[in-house]
Amino acid sequence: MGIPLTGTSVNPARSLAPALVMGGQALSQVWVFIVGPAIGAIIAGLIYKFLYSEKEASLN
């Protein structure tokens, strides 16, 4: 839905290659495609750890 509005792609690899070729502003915005998934993975790991430790504690 947002692709026609922003011109971005959903695939980070699809965004990285054109940004490397174009440089400038396109390259300065690629960090979102690297940092965003990393932060999401960290948050997901913490949530999983919290939920798993709660489940394990209730079994004992």
PDB file of N, CA and C in Angstrom:
ATOM      1  N   MET A   1       0.814  -1.186   0.000  1.00  0.00           N
ATOM      2  CA  MET A   1       0.000   0.000   0.000  1.00  0.00           C
ATOM      3  C   MET A   1       0.865   1.261   0.000  1.00  0.00           C
ATOM      4  N   GLY A   2       1.954   1.243   0.728  1.00  0.00           N
ATOM      5  CA  GLY A   2       2.771   2.445   0.827  1.00  0.00           C
ATOM      6  C   GLY A   2       3.748   2.647  -0.307  1.00  0.00           C
ATOM      7  N   ILE A   3       3.954   1.615  -1.133  1.00  0.00           N
ATOM      8  CA  ILE A   3       4.932   1.735  -2.208  1.00  0.00           C
ATOM      9  C   ILE A   3       4.585   2.860  -3.189  1.00  0.00           C
ATOM     10  N   PRO A   4       3.332   2.987  -3.640  1.00  0.00           N
ATOM     11  CA  PRO A   4       3.034   4.099  -4.546  1.00  0.00           C
ATOM     12  C   PRO A   4       3.192   5.486  -3.883  1.00  0.00           C
ATOM     13  N   LEU A   5       3.018   5.529  -2.578  1.00  0.00           N
ATOM     14  CA  LEU A   5       3.118   6.814  -1.879  1.00  0.00           C
ATOM     15  C   LEU A   5       4.559   7.241  -1.631  1.00  0.00           C
ATOM     16  N   THR A   6       5.408   6.272  -1.245  1.00  0.00           N
ATOM     17  CA  THR A   6       6.776   6.614  -0.855  1.00  0.00           C
ATOM     18  C   THR A   6       7.824   6.238  -1.881  1.00  0.00           C
ATOM     19  N   GLY A   7       7.516   5.286  -2.754  1.00  0.00           N
ATOM     20  CA  GLY A   7       8.498   4.836  -3.729  1.00  0.00           C
ATOM     21  C   GLY A   7       9.492   3.842  -3.177  1.00  0.00           C
ATOM     22  N   THR A   8       9.317   3.417  -1.959  1.00  0.00           N
ATOM     23  CA  THR A   8      10.240   2.461  -1.346  1.00  0.00           C
ATOM     24  C   THR A   8       9.893   1.044  -1.770  1.00  0.00           C
ATOM     25  N   SER A   9      10.772   0.126  -1.478  1.00  0.00           N
ATOM     26  CA  SER A   9      10.480  -1.279  -1.737  1.00  0.00           C
ATOM     27  C   SER A   9      10.382  -2.006  -0.408  1.00  0.00           C
ATOM     28  N   VAL A  10       9.789  -3.156  -0.422  1.00  0.00           N
ATOM     29  CA  VAL A  10       9.626  -3.929   0.804  1.00  0.00           C
ATOM     30  C   VAL A  10      10.859  -4.788   1.050  1.00  0.00           C
ATOM     31  N   ASN A  11      11.599  -5.094   0.006  1.00  0.00           N
ATOM     32  CA  ASN A  11      12.773  -5.946   0.089  1.00  0.00           C
ATOM     33  C   ASN A  11      14.016  -5.076   0.292  1.00  0.00           C
ATOM     34  N   PRO A  12      14.734  -5.243   1.406  1.00  0.00           N
ATOM     35  CA  PRO A  12      15.919  -4.409   1.645  1.00  0.00           C
ATOM     36  C   PRO A  12      16.993  -4.568   0.567  1.00  0.00           C
ATOM     37  N   ALA A  13      17.160  -5.762   0.021  1.00  0.00           N
ATOM     38  CA  ALA A  13      18.154  -5.956  -1.036  1.00  0.00           C
ATOM     39  C   ALA A  13      17.763  -5.162  -2.280  1.00  0.00           C
ATOM     40  N   ARG A  14      16.495  -5.069  -2.540  1.00  0.00           N
ATOM     41  CA  ARG A  14      15.998  -4.313  -3.697  1.00  0.00           C
ATOM     42  C   ARG A  14      16.236  -2.819  -3.500  1.00  0.00           C
ATOM     43  N   SER A  15      16.281  -2.366  -2.289  1.00  0.00           N
ATOM     44  CA  SER A  15      16.535  -0.950  -2.017  1.00  0.00           C
ATOM     45  C   SER A  15      18.015  -0.640  -1.945  1.00  0.00           C
ATOM     46  N   LEU A  16      18.820  -1.580  -1.498  1.00  0.00           N
ATOM     47  CA  LEU A  16      20.245  -1.328  -1.303  1.00  0.00           C
ATOM     48  C   LEU A  16      20.987  -1.153  -2.627  1.00  0.00           C
ATOM     49  N   ALA A  17      20.727  -2.000  -3.601  1.00  0.00           N
ATOM     50  CA  ALA A  17      21.455  -1.931  -4.872  1.00  0.00           C
ATOM     51  C   ALA A  17      21.252  -0.590  -5.588  1.00  0.00           C
ATOM     52  N   PRO A  18      20.021  -0.128  -5.788  1.00  0.00           N
ATOM     53  CA  PRO A  18      19.870   1.185  -6.435  1.00  0.00           C
ATOM     54  C   PRO A  18      20.460   2.331  -5.615  1.00  0.00           C
ATOM     55  N   ALA A  19      20.393   2.219  -4.291  1.00  0.00           N
ATOM     56  CA  ALA A  19      20.947   3.279  -3.442  1.00  0.00           C
ATOM     57  C   ALA A  19      22.468   3.343  -3.589  1.00  0.00           C
ATOM     58  N   LEU A  20      23.117   2.181  -3.690  1.00  0.00           N
ATOM     59  CA  LEU A  20      24.566   2.178  -3.879  1.00  0.00           C
ATOM     60  C   LEU A  20      24.954   2.794  -5.222  1.00  0.00           C
ATOM     61  N   VAL A  21      24.161   2.526  -6.239  1.00  0.00           N
ATOM     62  CA  VAL A  21      24.456   3.073  -7.572  1.00  0.00           C
ATOM     63  C   VAL A  21      24.190   4.573  -7.610  1.00  0.00           C
ATOM     64  N   MET A  22      23.074   5.005  -7.030  1.00  0.00           N
ATOM     65  CA  MET A  22      22.691   6.423  -7.085  1.00  0.00           C
ATOM     66  C   MET A  22      23.477   7.276  -6.102  1.00  0.00           C
ATOM     67  N   GLY A  23      23.742   6.728  -4.902  1.00  0.00           N
ATOM     68  CA  GLY A  23      24.442   7.499  -3.879  1.00  0.00           C
ATOM     69  C   GLY A  23      23.567   8.620  -3.342  1.00  0.00           C
ATOM     70  N   GLY A  24      24.172   9.620  -2.763  1.00  0.00           N
ATOM     71  CA  GLY A  24      23.455  10.804  -2.285  1.00  0.00           C
ATOM     72  C   GLY A  24      22.373  10.507  -1.276  1.00  0.00           C
ATOM     73  N   GLN A  25      21.213  11.113  -1.496  1.00  0.00           N
ATOM     74  CA  GLN A  25      20.108  10.993  -0.558  1.00  0.00           C
ATOM     75  C   GLN A  25      19.586   9.564  -0.475  1.00  0.00           C
ATOM     76  N   ALA A  26      19.578   8.851  -1.584  1.00  0.00           N
ATOM     77  CA  ALA A  26      19.110   7.462  -1.579  1.00  0.00           C
ATOM     78  C   ALA A  26      19.974   6.615  -0.653  1.00  0.00           C
ATOM     79  N   LEU A  27      21.259   6.806  -0.703  1.00  0.00           N
ATOM     80  CA  LEU A  27      22.172   6.036   0.145  1.00  0.00           C
ATOM     81  C   LEU A  27      22.039   6.443   1.610  1.00  0.00           C
ATOM     82  N   SER A  28      21.739   7.697   1.862  1.00  0.00           N
ATOM     83  CA  SER A  28      21.613   8.160   3.246  1.00  0.00           C
ATOM     84  C   SER A  28      20.362   7.619   3.925  1.00  0.00           C
ATOM     85  N   GLN A  29      19.415   7.095   3.153  1.00  0.00           N
ATOM     86  CA  GLN A  29      18.183   6.568   3.738  1.00  0.00           C
ATOM     87  C   GLN A  29      18.183   5.050   3.890  1.00  0.00           C
ATOM     88  N   VAL A  30      19.226   4.382   3.422  1.00  0.00           N
ATOM     89  CA  VAL A  30      19.276   2.921   3.462  1.00  0.00           C
ATOM     90  C   VAL A  30      19.426   2.398   4.895  1.00  0.00           C
ATOM     91  N   TRP A  31      19.932   3.212   5.784  1.00  0.00           N
ATOM     92  CA  TRP A  31      20.142   2.748   7.156  1.00  0.00           C
ATOM     93  C   TRP A  31      18.849   2.219   7.779  1.00  0.00           C
ATOM     94  N   VAL A  32      17.718   2.733   7.357  1.00  0.00           N
ATOM     95  CA  VAL A  32      16.433   2.283   7.895  1.00  0.00           C
ATOM     96  C   VAL A  32      16.217   0.803   7.601  1.00  0.00           C
ATOM     97  N   PHE A  33      16.649   0.353   6.431  1.00  0.00           N
ATOM     98  CA  PHE A  33      16.471  -1.040   6.040  1.00  0.00           C
ATOM     99  C   PHE A  33      17.429  -1.970   6.780  1.00  0.00           C
ATOM    100  N   ILE A  34      18.463  -1.429   7.392  1.00  0.00           N
ATOM    101  CA  ILE A  34      19.416  -2.233   8.151  1.00  0.00           C
ATOM    102  C   ILE A  34      19.078  -2.185   9.644  1.00  0.00           C
ATOM    103  N   VAL A  35      18.846  -1.004  10.151  1.00  0.00           N
ATOM    104  CA  VAL A  35      18.594  -0.826  11.586  1.00  0.00           C
ATOM    105  C   VAL A  35      17.202  -1.327  11.984  1.00  0.00           C
ATOM    106  N   GLY A  36      16.203  -1.073  11.148  1.00  0.00           N
ATOM    107  CA  GLY A  36      14.831  -1.474  11.472  1.00  0.00           C
ATOM    108  C   GLY A  36      14.679  -2.966  11.746  1.00  0.00           C
ATOM    109  N   PRO A  37      15.113  -3.834  10.841  1.00  0.00           N
ATOM    110  CA  PRO A  37      15.005  -5.267  11.111  1.00  0.00           C
ATOM    111  C   PRO A  37      15.839  -5.719  12.306  1.00  0.00           C
ATOM    112  N   ALA A  38      17.007  -5.097  12.512  1.00  0.00           N
ATOM    113  CA  ALA A  38      17.835  -5.466  13.658  1.00  0.00           C
ATOM    114  C   ALA A  38      17.121  -5.131  14.969  1.00  0.00           C
ATOM    115  N   ILE A  39      16.534  -3.961  15.048  1.00  0.00           N
ATOM    116  CA  ILE A  39      15.791  -3.578  16.259  1.00  0.00           C
ATOM    117  C   ILE A  39      14.579  -4.479  16.440  1.00  0.00           C
ATOM    118  N   GLY A  40      13.878  -4.785  15.351  1.00  0.00           N
ATOM    119  CA  GLY A  40      12.731  -5.695  15.422  1.00  0.00           C
ATOM    120  C   GLY A  40      13.130  -7.071  15.920  1.00  0.00           C
ATOM    121  N   ALA A  41      14.273  -7.567  15.469  1.00  0.00           N
ATOM    122  CA  ALA A  41      14.750  -8.878  15.920  1.00  0.00           C
ATOM    123  C   ALA A  41      15.099  -8.868  17.402  1.00  0.00           C
ATOM    124  N   ILE A  42      15.721  -7.802  17.853  1.00  0.00           N
ATOM    125  CA  ILE A  42      16.057  -7.693  19.277  1.00  0.00           C
ATOM    126  C   ILE A  42      14.796  -7.642  20.123  1.00  0.00           C
ATOM    127  N   ILE A  43      13.833  -6.854  19.721  1.00  0.00           N
ATOM    128  CA  ILE A  43      12.568  -6.757  20.464  1.00  0.00           C
ATOM    129  C   ILE A  43      11.848  -8.105  20.469  1.00  0.00           C
ATOM    130  N   ALA A  44      11.812  -8.777  19.315  1.00  0.00           N
ATOM    131  CA  ALA A  44      11.161 -10.088  19.244  1.00  0.00           C
ATOM    132  C   ALA A  44      11.863 -11.092  20.152  1.00  0.00           C
ATOM    133  N   GLY A  45      13.180 -11.050  20.191  1.00  0.00           N
ATOM    134  CA  GLY A  45      13.927 -11.954  21.070  1.00  0.00           C
ATOM    135  C   GLY A  45      13.634 -11.703  22.534  1.00  0.00           C
ATOM    136  N   LEU A  46      13.552 -10.435  22.907  1.00  0.00           N
ATOM    137  CA  LEU A  46      13.242 -10.097  24.303  1.00  0.00           C
ATOM    138  C   LEU A  46      11.822 -10.526  24.676  1.00  0.00           C
ATOM    139  N   ILE A  47      10.882 -10.315  23.770  1.00  0.00           N
ATOM    140  CA  ILE A  47       9.502 -10.728  24.035  1.00  0.00           C
ATOM    141  C   ILE A  47       9.424 -12.245  24.163  1.00  0.00           C
ATOM    142  N   TYR A  48      10.108 -12.956  23.261  1.00  0.00           N
ATOM    143  CA  TYR A  48      10.120 -14.425  23.334  1.00  0.00           C
ATOM    144  C   TYR A  48      10.723 -14.892  24.649  1.00  0.00           C
ATOM    145  N   LYS A  49      11.840 -14.281  25.027  1.00  0.00           N
ATOM    146  CA  LYS A  49      12.494 -14.667  26.278  1.00  0.00           C
ATOM    147  C   LYS A  49      11.563 -14.424  27.467  1.00  0.00           C
ATOM    148  N   PHE A  50      10.861 -13.290  27.464  1.00  0.00           N
ATOM    149  CA  PHE A  50       9.934 -12.973  28.540  1.00  0.00           C
ATOM    150  C   PHE A  50       8.791 -13.988  28.582  1.00  0.00           C
ATOM    151  N   LEU A  51       8.204 -14.288  27.440  1.00  0.00           N
ATOM    152  CA  LEU A  51       7.085 -15.229  27.393  1.00  0.00           C
ATOM    153  C   LEU A  51       7.530 -16.643  27.737  1.00  0.00           C
ATOM    154  N   TYR A  52       8.712 -17.037  27.253  1.00  0.00           N
ATOM    155  CA  TYR A  52       9.205 -18.386  27.520  1.00  0.00           C
ATOM    156  C   TYR A  52       9.547 -18.559  28.993  1.00  0.00           C
ATOM    157  N   SER A  53      10.155 -17.543  29.614  1.00  0.00           N
ATOM    158  CA  SER A  53      10.501 -17.651  31.026  1.00  0.00           C
ATOM    159  C   SER A  53       9.244 -17.685  31.882  1.00  0.00           C
ATOM    160  N   GLU A  54       8.178 -16.988  31.488  1.00  0.00           N
ATOM    161  CA  GLU A  54       6.913 -17.041  32.218  1.00  0.00           C
ATOM    162  C   GLU A  54       6.304 -18.432  32.129  1.00  0.00           C
ATOM    163  N   LYS A  55       6.347 -19.033  30.943  1.00  0.00           N
ATOM    164  CA  LYS A  55       5.780 -20.362  30.746  1.00  0.00           C
ATOM    165  C   LYS A  55       6.571 -21.392  31.532  1.00  0.00           C
ATOM    166  N   GLU A  56       7.901 -21.285  31.502  1.00  0.00           N
ATOM    167  CA  GLU A  56       8.756 -22.231  32.223  1.00  0.00           C
ATOM    168  C   GLU A  56       8.564 -22.106  33.732  1.00  0.00           C
ATOM    169  N   ALA A  57       8.385 -20.903  34.233  1.00  0.00           N
ATOM    170  CA  ALA A  57       8.195 -20.681  35.667  1.00  0.00           C
ATOM    171  C   ALA A  57       6.872 -21.273  36.127  1.00  0.00           C
ATOM    172  N   SER A  58       5.850 -21.246  35.297  1.00  0.00           N
ATOM    173  CA  SER A  58       4.560 -21.785  35.693  1.00  0.00           C
ATOM    174  C   SER A  58       4.545 -23.304  35.686  1.00  0.00           C
ATOM    175  N   LEU A  59       5.492 -23.931  34.963  1.00  0.00           N
ATOM    176  CA  LEU A  59       5.564 -25.385  34.932  1.00  0.00           C
ATOM    177  C   LEU A  59       6.229 -25.947  36.175  1.00  0.00           C
ATOM    178  N   ASN A  60       7.041 -25.160  36.853  1.00  0.00           N
ATOM    179  CA  ASN A  60       7.759 -25.646  38.045  1.00  0.00           C
ATOM    180  C   ASN A  60       6.945 -25.543  39.271  1.00  0.00           C
TER     181      ASN A  60
END
